[in-house]
PDB file of N, CA and C in Angstrom:
ATOM      1  N   MET A   1     100.428  79.181  84.568  1.00  0.00           N
ATOM      2  CA  MET A   1      99.205  79.780  85.057  1.00  0.00           C
ATOM      3  C   MET A   1      98.275  79.998  83.856  1.00  0.00           C
ATOM      4  N   THR A   2      97.027  79.638  84.037  1.00  0.00           N
ATOM      5  CA  THR A   2      96.052  79.844  82.965  1.00  0.00           C
ATOM      6  C   THR A   2      95.565  81.288  82.981  1.00  0.00           C
ATOM      7  N   THR A   3      94.956  81.700  81.891  1.00  0.00           N
ATOM      8  CA  THR A   3      94.422  83.071  81.859  1.00  0.00           C
ATOM      9  C   THR A   3      93.260  83.217  82.843  1.00  0.00           C
ATOM     10  N   LEU A   4      92.525  82.133  83.107  1.00  0.00           N
ATOM     11  CA  LEU A   4      91.442  82.202  84.090  1.00  0.00           C
ATOM     12  C   LEU A   4      92.007  82.454  85.484  1.00  0.00           C
ATOM     13  N   GLU A   5      93.093  81.775  85.834  1.00  0.00           N
ATOM     14  CA  GLU A   5      93.747  82.014  87.126  1.00  0.00           C
ATOM     15  C   GLU A   5      94.300  83.434  87.193  1.00  0.00           C
ATOM     16  N   GLU A   6      94.899  83.878  86.094  1.00  0.00           N
ATOM     17  CA  GLU A   6      95.433  85.239  86.027  1.00  0.00           C
ATOM     18  C   GLU A   6      94.319  86.261  86.230  1.00  0.00           C
ATOM     19  N   ALA A   7      93.158  86.015  85.611  1.00  0.00           N
ATOM     20  CA  ALA A   7      92.010  86.914  85.755  1.00  0.00           C
ATOM     21  C   ALA A   7      91.517  86.932  87.199  1.00  0.00           C
ATOM     22  N   ARG A   8      91.459  85.774  87.833  1.00  0.00           N
ATOM     23  CA  ARG A   8      91.018  85.700  89.229  1.00  0.00           C
ATOM     24  C   ARG A   8      91.946  86.509  90.132  1.00  0.00           C
ATOM     25  N   ILE A   9      93.242  86.382  89.916  1.00  0.00           N
ATOM     26  CA  ILE A   9      94.222  87.112  90.724  1.00  0.00           C
ATOM     27  C   ILE A   9      94.094  88.610  90.487  1.00  0.00           C
ATOM     28  N   LEU A  10      93.929  89.001  89.233  1.00  0.00           N
ATOM     29  CA  LEU A  10      93.791  90.410  88.898  1.00  0.00           C
ATOM     30  C   LEU A  10      92.546  91.009  89.565  1.00  0.00           C
ATOM     31  N   VAL A  11      91.430  90.301  89.494  1.00  0.00           N
ATOM     32  CA  VAL A  11      90.185  90.780  90.110  1.00  0.00           C
ATOM     33  C   VAL A  11      90.346  90.842  91.631  1.00  0.00           C
ATOM     34  N   ALA A  12      90.917  89.811  92.220  1.00  0.00           N
ATOM     35  CA  ALA A  12      91.117  89.798  93.675  1.00  0.00           C
ATOM     36  C   ALA A  12      91.974  90.971  94.123  1.00  0.00           C
ATOM     37  N   ASP A  13      93.056  91.231  93.407  1.00  0.00           N
ATOM     38  CA  ASP A  13      93.924  92.365  93.755  1.00  0.00           C
ATOM     39  C   ASP A  13      93.189  93.687  93.618  1.00  0.00           C
ATOM     40  N   ALA A  14      92.452  93.850  92.521  1.00  0.00           N
ATOM     41  CA  ALA A  14      91.741  95.111  92.274  1.00  0.00           C
ATOM     42  C   ALA A  14      90.666  95.357  93.328  1.00  0.00           C
ATOM     43  N   LEU A  15      90.017  94.293  93.775  1.00  0.00           N
ATOM     44  CA  LEU A  15      88.935  94.430  94.756  1.00  0.00           C
ATOM     45  C   LEU A  15      89.422  94.289  96.195  1.00  0.00           C
ATOM     46  N   GLU A  16      90.744  94.043  96.345  1.00  0.00           N
ATOM     47  CA  GLU A  16      91.347  93.855  97.664  1.00  0.00           C
ATOM     48  C   GLU A  16      90.649  92.733  98.428  1.00  0.00           C
ATOM     49  N   ARG A  17      90.469  91.595  97.744  1.00  0.00           N
ATOM     50  CA  ARG A  17      89.832  90.409  98.308  1.00  0.00           C
ATOM     51  C   ARG A  17      90.813  89.245  98.209  1.00  0.00           C
ATOM     52  N   PRO A  18      90.666  88.226  99.047  1.00  0.00           N
ATOM     53  CA  PRO A  18      91.495  87.027  98.894  1.00  0.00           C
ATOM     54  C   PRO A  18      91.117  86.303  97.593  1.00  0.00           C
ATOM     55  N   VAL A  19      92.088  85.703  96.947  1.00  0.00           N
ATOM     56  CA  VAL A  19      91.847  85.036  95.664  1.00  0.00           C
ATOM     57  C   VAL A  19      90.807  83.924  95.802  1.00  0.00           C
ATOM     58  N   HIS A  20      90.790  83.218  96.933  1.00  0.00           N
ATOM     59  CA  HIS A  20      89.834  82.112  97.076  1.00  0.00           C
ATOM     60  C   HIS A  20      88.379  82.585  97.027  1.00  0.00           C
ATOM     61  N   GLU A  21      88.132  83.879  97.275  1.00  0.00           N
ATOM     62  CA  GLU A  21      86.768  84.419  97.176  1.00  0.00           C
ATOM     63  C   GLU A  21      86.356  84.681  95.731  1.00  0.00           C
ATOM     64  N   ILE A  22      87.316  84.758  94.836  1.00  0.00           N
ATOM     65  CA  ILE A  22      87.033  85.048  93.427  1.00  0.00           C
ATOM     66  C   ILE A  22      87.044  83.721  92.668  1.00  0.00           C
ATOM     67  N   THR A  23      85.887  83.107  92.604  1.00  0.00           N
ATOM     68  CA  THR A  23      85.764  81.821  91.923  1.00  0.00           C
ATOM     69  C   THR A  23      85.741  82.041  90.409  1.00  0.00           C
ATOM     70  N   PRO A  24      86.001  80.990  89.633  1.00  0.00           N
ATOM     71  CA  PRO A  24      86.034  81.143  88.175  1.00  0.00           C
ATOM     72  C   PRO A  24      84.730  81.621  87.554  1.00  0.00           C
ATOM     73  N   ASP A  25      83.619  81.486  88.268  1.00  0.00           N
ATOM     74  CA  ASP A  25      82.332  81.900  87.699  1.00  0.00           C
ATOM     75  C   ASP A  25      81.796  83.201  88.281  1.00  0.00           C
ATOM     76  N   VAL A  26      82.615  83.901  89.053  1.00  0.00           N
ATOM     77  CA  VAL A  26      82.145  85.128  89.696  1.00  0.00           C
ATOM     78  C   VAL A  26      81.895  86.210  88.632  1.00  0.00           C
ATOM     79  N   ALA A  27      80.869  87.029  88.892  1.00  0.00           N
ATOM     80  CA  ALA A  27      80.469  88.051  87.925  1.00  0.00           C
ATOM     81  C   ALA A  27      80.207  89.376  88.635  1.00  0.00           C
ATOM     82  N   LEU A  28      80.087  90.413  87.826  1.00  0.00           N
ATOM     83  CA  LEU A  28      79.768  91.751  88.314  1.00  0.00           C
ATOM     84  C   LEU A  28      78.554  91.680  89.238  1.00  0.00           C
ATOM     85  N   GLY A  29      78.691  92.218  90.429  1.00  0.00           N
ATOM     86  CA  GLY A  29      77.593  92.237  91.385  1.00  0.00           C
ATOM     87  C   GLY A  29      77.500  91.008  92.262  1.00  0.00           C
ATOM     88  N   SER A  30      78.227  89.933  91.929  1.00  0.00           N
ATOM     89  CA  SER A  30      78.123  88.717  92.735  1.00  0.00           C
ATOM     90  C   SER A  30      79.292  88.535  93.704  1.00  0.00           C
ATOM     91  N   ALA A  31      80.310  89.353  93.582  1.00  0.00           N
ATOM     92  CA  ALA A  31      81.457  89.279  94.498  1.00  0.00           C
ATOM     93  C   ALA A  31      81.482  90.528  95.368  1.00  0.00           C
ATOM     94  N   ALA A  32      81.913  90.348  96.589  1.00  0.00           N
ATOM     95  CA  ALA A  32      82.029  91.488  97.495  1.00  0.00           C
ATOM     96  C   ALA A  32      82.950  92.529  96.871  1.00  0.00           C
ATOM     97  N   GLY A  33      82.446  93.740  96.739  1.00  0.00           N
ATOM     98  CA  GLY A  33      83.243  94.827  96.196  1.00  0.00           C
ATOM     99  C   GLY A  33      83.146  95.016  94.698  1.00  0.00           C
ATOM    100  N   TRP A  34      82.541  94.045  93.975  1.00  0.00           N
ATOM    101  CA  TRP A  34      82.436  94.211  92.521  1.00  0.00           C
ATOM    102  C   TRP A  34      81.150  94.958  92.192  1.00  0.00           C
ATOM    103  N   ASP A  35      81.174  96.227  92.521  1.00  0.00           N
ATOM    104  CA  ASP A  35      80.095  97.146  92.183  1.00  0.00           C
ATOM    105  C   ASP A  35      80.645  98.091  91.115  1.00  0.00           C
ATOM    106  N   SER A  36      80.010  99.219  90.885  1.00  0.00           N
ATOM    107  CA  SER A  36      80.474 100.113  89.823  1.00  0.00           C
ATOM    108  C   SER A  36      81.886 100.643  90.100  1.00  0.00           C
ATOM    109  N   LEU A  37      82.182 100.977  91.343  1.00  0.00           N
ATOM    110  CA  LEU A  37      83.522 101.456  91.686  1.00  0.00           C
ATOM    111  C   LEU A  37      84.545 100.322  91.566  1.00  0.00           C
ATOM    112  N   GLY A  38      84.177  99.153  92.043  1.00  0.00           N
ATOM    113  CA  GLY A  38      85.048  97.995  91.916  1.00  0.00           C
ATOM    114  C   GLY A  38      85.316  97.650  90.457  1.00  0.00           C
ATOM    115  N   HIS A  39      84.302  97.832  89.618  1.00  0.00           N
ATOM    116  CA  HIS A  39      84.460  97.554  88.193  1.00  0.00           C
ATOM    117  C   HIS A  39      85.514  98.494  87.595  1.00  0.00           C
ATOM    118  N   MET A  40      85.474  99.756  87.991  1.00  0.00           N
ATOM    119  CA  MET A  40      86.472 100.703  87.485  1.00  0.00           C
ATOM    120  C   MET A  40      87.873 100.342  87.986  1.00  0.00           C
ATOM    121  N   ARG A  41      87.974  99.842  89.209  1.00  0.00           N
ATOM    122  CA  ARG A  41      89.280  99.396  89.719  1.00  0.00           C
ATOM    123  C   ARG A  41      89.805  98.236  88.882  1.00  0.00           C
ATOM    124  N   ILE A  42      88.908  97.319  88.526  1.00  0.00           N
ATOM    125  CA  ILE A  42      89.299  96.181  87.690  1.00  0.00           C
ATOM    126  C   ILE A  42      89.756  96.670  86.320  1.00  0.00           C
ATOM    127  N   VAL A  43      89.011  97.600  85.742  1.00  0.00           N
ATOM    128  CA  VAL A  43      89.368  98.147  84.427  1.00  0.00           C
ATOM    129  C   VAL A  43      90.752  98.804  84.491  1.00  0.00           C
ATOM    130  N   LEU A  44      90.992  99.621  85.493  1.00  0.00           N
ATOM    131  CA  LEU A  44      92.287 100.288  85.625  1.00  0.00           C
ATOM    132  C   LEU A  44      93.415  99.281  85.818  1.00  0.00           C
ATOM    133  N   SER A  45      93.140  98.243  86.580  1.00  0.00           N
ATOM    134  CA  SER A  45      94.139  97.204  86.789  1.00  0.00           C
ATOM    135  C   SER A  45      94.436  96.453  85.492  1.00  0.00           C
ATOM    136  N   LEU A  46      93.393  96.154  84.740  1.00  0.00           N
ATOM    137  CA  LEU A  46      93.556  95.494  83.442  1.00  0.00           C
ATOM    138  C   LEU A  46      94.361  96.361  82.482  1.00  0.00           C
ATOM    139  N   GLU A  47      94.019  97.636  82.420  1.00  0.00           N
ATOM    140  CA  GLU A  47      94.737  98.541  81.518  1.00  0.00           C
ATOM    141  C   GLU A  47      96.208  98.625  81.895  1.00  0.00           C
ATOM    142  N   SER A  48      96.501  98.671  83.179  1.00  0.00           N
ATOM    143  CA  SER A  48      97.891  98.703  83.632  1.00  0.00           C
ATOM    144  C   SER A  48      98.594  97.402  83.273  1.00  0.00           C
ATOM    145  N   HIS A  49      97.931  96.291  83.494  1.00  0.00           N
ATOM    146  CA  HIS A  49      98.506  94.976  83.194  1.00  0.00           C
ATOM    147  C   HIS A  49      98.774  94.804  81.701  1.00  0.00           C
ATOM    148  N   LEU A  50      97.821  95.234  80.883  1.00  0.00           N
ATOM    149  CA  LEU A  50      97.936  95.077  79.433  1.00  0.00           C
ATOM    150  C   LEU A  50      98.748  96.190  78.772  1.00  0.00           C
ATOM    151  N   LYS A  51      98.980  97.266  79.527  1.00  0.00           N
ATOM    152  CA  LYS A  51      99.700  98.438  79.017  1.00  0.00           C
ATOM    153  C   LYS A  51      99.006  99.021  77.785  1.00  0.00           C
ATOM    154  N   ARG A  52      97.679  99.122  77.892  1.00  0.00           N
ATOM    155  CA  ARG A  52      96.868  99.719  76.818  1.00  0.00           C
ATOM    156  C   ARG A  52      95.545 100.175  77.418  1.00  0.00           C
ATOM    157  N   THR A  53      94.926 101.117  76.733  1.00  0.00           N
ATOM    158  CA  THR A  53      93.618 101.609  77.147  1.00  0.00           C
ATOM    159  C   THR A  53      92.546 100.725  76.524  1.00  0.00           C
ATOM    160  N   LEU A  54      91.579 100.336  77.338  1.00  0.00           N
ATOM    161  CA  LEU A  54      90.481  99.530  76.826  1.00  0.00           C
ATOM    162  C   LEU A  54      89.439 100.431  76.176  1.00  0.00           C
ATOM    163  N   SER A  55      88.804  99.923  75.147  1.00  0.00           N
ATOM    164  CA  SER A  55      87.734 100.677  74.497  1.00  0.00           C
ATOM    165  C   SER A  55      86.476 100.602  75.363  1.00  0.00           C
ATOM    166  N   ALA A  56      85.541 101.499  75.104  1.00  0.00           N
ATOM    167  CA  ALA A  56      84.276 101.493  75.839  1.00  0.00           C
ATOM    168  C   ALA A  56      83.566 100.153  75.656  1.00  0.00           C
ATOM    169  N   ASP A  57      83.585  99.607  74.455  1.00  0.00           N
ATOM    170  CA  ASP A  57      82.945  98.308  74.191  1.00  0.00           C
ATOM    171  C   ASP A  57      83.597  97.200  75.017  1.00  0.00           C
ATOM    172  N   GLU A  58      84.925  97.215  75.107  1.00  0.00           N
ATOM    173  CA  GLU A  58      85.622  96.202  75.899  1.00  0.00           C
ATOM    174  C   GLU A  58      85.245  96.316  77.374  1.00  0.00           C
ATOM    175  N   ILE A  59      85.166  97.532  77.874  1.00  0.00           N
ATOM    176  CA  ILE A  59      84.819  97.752  79.277  1.00  0.00           C
ATOM    177  C   ILE A  59      83.410  97.248  79.564  1.00  0.00           C
ATOM    178  N   ILE A  60      82.477  97.543  78.683  1.00  0.00           N
ATOM    179  CA  ILE A  60      81.084  97.124  78.853  1.00  0.00           C
ATOM    180  C   ILE A  60      80.961  95.605  78.853  1.00  0.00           C
ATOM    181  N   GLN A  61      81.791  94.934  78.063  1.00  0.00           N
ATOM    182  CA  GLN A  61      81.705  93.476  77.938  1.00  0.00           C
ATOM    183  C   GLN A  61      82.321  92.730  79.127  1.00  0.00           C
ATOM    184  N   LEU A  62      83.013  93.421  80.004  1.00  0.00           N
ATOM    185  CA  LEU A  62      83.646  92.778  81.164  1.00  0.00           C
ATOM    186  C   LEU A  62      82.618  92.597  82.274  1.00  0.00           C
ATOM    187  N   LYS A  63      81.951  91.459  82.270  1.00  0.00           N
ATOM    188  CA  LYS A  63      80.904  91.197  83.254  1.00  0.00           C
ATOM    189  C   LYS A  63      81.196  90.019  84.161  1.00  0.00           C
ATOM    190  N   SER A  64      82.296  89.303  83.893  1.00  0.00           N
ATOM    191  CA  SER A  64      82.624  88.127  84.695  1.00  0.00           C
ATOM    192  C   SER A  64      84.118  87.830  84.600  1.00  0.00           C
ATOM    193  N   VAL A  65      84.570  86.943  85.461  1.00  0.00           N
ATOM    194  CA  VAL A  65      85.968  86.522  85.419  1.00  0.00           C
ATOM    195  C   VAL A  65      86.300  85.874  84.073  1.00  0.00           C
ATOM    196  N   PRO A  66      85.426  85.006  83.516  1.00  0.00           N
ATOM    197  CA  PRO A  66      85.727  84.460  82.186  1.00  0.00           C
ATOM    198  C   PRO A  66      85.839  85.539  81.101  1.00  0.00           C
ATOM    199  N   ASP A  67      85.054  86.606  81.194  1.00  0.00           N
ATOM    200  CA  ASP A  67      85.181  87.712  80.235  1.00  0.00           C
ATOM    201  C   ASP A  67      86.558  88.363  80.337  1.00  0.00           C
ATOM    202  N   ILE A  68      87.033  88.537  81.555  1.00  0.00           N
ATOM    203  CA  ILE A  68      88.350  89.139  81.772  1.00  0.00           C
ATOM    204  C   ILE A  68      89.432  88.202  81.254  1.00  0.00           C
ATOM    205  N   ALA A  69      89.275  86.901  81.509  1.00  0.00           N
ATOM    206  CA  ALA A  69      90.240  85.912  81.014  1.00  0.00           C
ATOM    207  C   ALA A  69      90.292  85.935  79.490  1.00  0.00           C
ATOM    208  N   ALA A  70      89.137  86.062  78.850  1.00  0.00           N
ATOM    209  CA  ALA A  70      89.092  86.107  77.379  1.00  0.00           C
ATOM    210  C   ALA A  70      89.826  87.331  76.854  1.00  0.00           C
ATOM    211  N   LEU A  71      89.669  88.467  77.529  1.00  0.00           N
ATOM    212  CA  LEU A  71      90.366  89.679  77.105  1.00  0.00           C
ATOM    213  C   LEU A  71      91.877  89.526  77.305  1.00  0.00           C
ATOM    214  N   LEU A  72      92.274  88.946  78.425  1.00  0.00           N
ATOM    215  CA  LEU A  72      93.705  88.702  78.666  1.00  0.00           C
ATOM    216  C   LEU A  72      94.277  87.792  77.589  1.00  0.00           C
ATOM    217  N   GLU A  73      93.531  86.764  77.247  1.00  0.00           N
ATOM    218  CA  GLU A  73      93.986  85.833  76.212  1.00  0.00           C
ATOM    219  C   GLU A  73      94.081  86.522  74.860  1.00  0.00           C
ATOM    220  N   LYS A  74      93.109  87.366  74.548  1.00  0.00           N
ATOM    221  CA  LYS A  74      93.094  88.083  73.282  1.00  0.00           C
ATOM    222  C   LYS A  74      94.362  88.912  73.117  1.00  0.00           C
ATOM    223  N   TYR A  75      94.766  89.598  74.156  1.00  0.00           N
ATOM    224  CA  TYR A  75      95.915  90.494  74.051  1.00  0.00           C
ATOM    225  C   TYR A  75      97.241  89.832  74.394  1.00  0.00           C
ATOM    226  N   SER A  76      97.210  88.564  74.788  1.00  0.00           N
ATOM    227  CA  SER A  76      98.476  87.870  75.034  1.00  0.00           C
ATOM    228  C   SER A  76      98.889  87.005  73.847  1.00  0.00           C
ATOM    229  N   GLU A  77      98.001  86.915  72.847  1.00  0.00           N
ATOM    230  CA  GLU A  77      98.336  86.147  71.650  1.00  0.00           C
ATOM    231  C   GLU A  77      99.446  86.848  70.888  1.00  0.00           C
ATOM    232  N   PRO A  78     100.393  86.072  70.349  1.00  0.00           N
ATOM    233  CA  PRO A  78     101.467  86.702  69.577  1.00  0.00           C
ATOM    234  C   PRO A  78     100.921  87.355  68.315  1.00  0.00           C
ATOM    235  N   ALA A  79     101.462  88.491  67.979  1.00  0.00           N
ATOM    236  CA  ALA A  79     101.035  89.191  66.753  1.00  0.00           C
ATOM    237  C   ALA A  79     101.492  88.397  65.531  1.00  0.00           C
ATOM    238  N   SER A  80     100.608  88.319  64.547  1.00  0.00           N
ATOM    239  CA  SER A  80     100.983  87.574  63.334  1.00  0.00           C
ATOM    240  C   SER A  80     101.110  88.461  62.141  1.00  0.00           C
TER     241      SER A  80
END
């Protein structure tokens, strides 16, 4: 599974939407339920998935599924 697919599934679960509605280019405000409350659900889901608290800057930068995929990829890289 790619990080983009993982991000789509995470967003769909957080927004309680079918995955097929969360396309790879979906962004804040363009998907049903991705409003300010939905955004907080996504953030909480991400924090639970990553087992870490996101910084305010990270939260602000989450505006689309690709942004979420990039964050997932960032924290899934092996520590060097």
